[in-house]
Amino acid sequence: MAQAVFYHAGCPVCVDAERLIIEYLDKTKVDPEVVHLGQDRGRISEAEAAGVKSVPALVIEGQVYHINFGASLEDVKK
């Protein structure tokens, strides 16, 4: 099963994207995890290492898919 991590910062754009994306992922093929970087700041470096530049973003098996634009990762660090 593929691992999928959805990174977001809790902004309205991120919350909408989370609701839509997670709902439509085929859970028989993908094991989704949601990471709220505003609440779990210790995982910001993990998101950066995965190639996330802005949130919301979905990482599936090492591939980053940036969705819309809620906030840059630099803004999330502040």
Protein backbone atom coordinates (compact mmCIF):
# COMPACT_ATOMS: atom_id res chain seq x y z
CA MET A 1 0.00 0.00 0.00
CA ALA A 2 1.29 3.47 -0.89
CA GLN A 3 1.99 5.96 1.89
CA ALA A 4 0.41 9.40 1.48
CA VAL A 5 1.06 12.38 3.75
CA PHE A 6 -1.12 15.47 3.46
CA TYR A 7 0.66 18.50 4.96
CA HIS A 8 -1.27 21.63 5.84
CA ALA A 9 -1.24 24.59 8.22
CA GLY A 10 -4.89 24.87 9.17
CA CYS A 11 -5.80 27.79 6.93
CA PRO A 12 -9.18 27.71 5.12
CA VAL A 13 -7.55 26.71 1.81
CA CYS A 14 -5.75 23.84 3.56
CA VAL A 15 -8.81 22.60 5.43
CA ASP A 16 -10.91 22.59 2.24
CA ALA A 17 -8.17 20.75 0.35
CA GLU A 18 -7.79 18.21 3.17
CA ARG A 19 -11.49 17.45 3.20
CA LEU A 20 -11.64 17.02 -0.56
CA ILE A 21 -8.38 15.17 -1.16
CA ILE A 22 -8.61 12.73 1.75
CA GLU A 23 -12.22 11.93 0.88
CA TYR A 24 -11.34 11.02 -2.71
CA LEU A 25 -8.19 8.99 -2.10
CA ASP A 26 -8.72 5.27 -2.67
CA LYS A 27 -7.98 3.89 0.78
CA THR A 28 -7.56 0.40 -0.64
CA LYS A 29 -4.47 1.71 -2.45
CA VAL A 30 -3.24 4.59 -0.26
CA ASP A 31 -2.72 4.88 3.49
CA PRO A 32 -3.30 8.61 4.17
CA GLU A 33 -1.87 10.59 7.08
CA VAL A 34 -2.77 14.21 7.77
CA VAL A 35 -0.10 16.45 9.31
CA HIS A 36 -1.13 19.88 10.60
CA LEU A 37 2.19 21.72 10.63
CA GLY A 38 0.79 24.54 12.75
CA GLN A 39 0.12 22.05 15.53
CA ASP A 40 2.97 19.62 14.87
CA ARG A 41 5.85 22.00 14.18
CA GLY A 42 8.40 19.25 14.74
CA ARG A 43 7.46 17.79 11.38
CA ILE A 44 8.25 20.93 9.34
CA SER A 45 11.77 19.64 8.64
CA GLU A 46 10.27 16.33 7.46
CA ALA A 47 8.02 18.23 5.03
CA GLU A 48 10.99 20.24 3.76
CA ALA A 49 13.05 17.08 3.27
CA ALA A 50 10.17 15.60 1.26
CA GLY A 51 10.26 18.65 -1.06
CA VAL A 52 7.22 20.53 0.23
CA LYS A 53 7.51 24.24 -0.62
CA SER A 54 4.01 25.36 0.30
CA VAL A 55 0.90 23.98 1.92
CA PRO A 56 -1.44 22.33 1.30
CA ALA A 57 0.66 19.58 -0.25
CA LEU A 58 0.26 15.86 -0.69
CA VAL A 59 3.28 13.56 -0.77
CA ILE A 60 2.69 10.09 -2.19
CA GLU A 61 5.62 7.71 -2.29
CA GLY A 62 8.13 10.56 -2.49
CA GLN A 63 6.26 12.62 -5.09
CA VAL A 64 5.11 16.06 -3.95
CA TYR A 65 1.85 17.49 -5.25
CA HIS A 66 1.33 21.12 -4.30
CA ILE A 67 -2.36 21.94 -4.14
CA ASN A 68 -3.48 25.54 -4.58
CA PHE A 69 -1.50 27.94 -2.38
CA GLY A 70 -2.34 28.44 1.27
CA ALA A 71 1.04 29.43 2.70
CA SER A 72 4.72 28.97 1.94
CA LEU A 73 6.63 26.68 4.27
CA GLU A 74 8.70 29.72 5.27
CA ASP A 75 5.51 31.41 6.52
CA VAL A 76 4.53 28.29 8.45
CA LYS A 77 7.91 28.35 10.26
CA LYS A 78 7.20 31.82 11.73
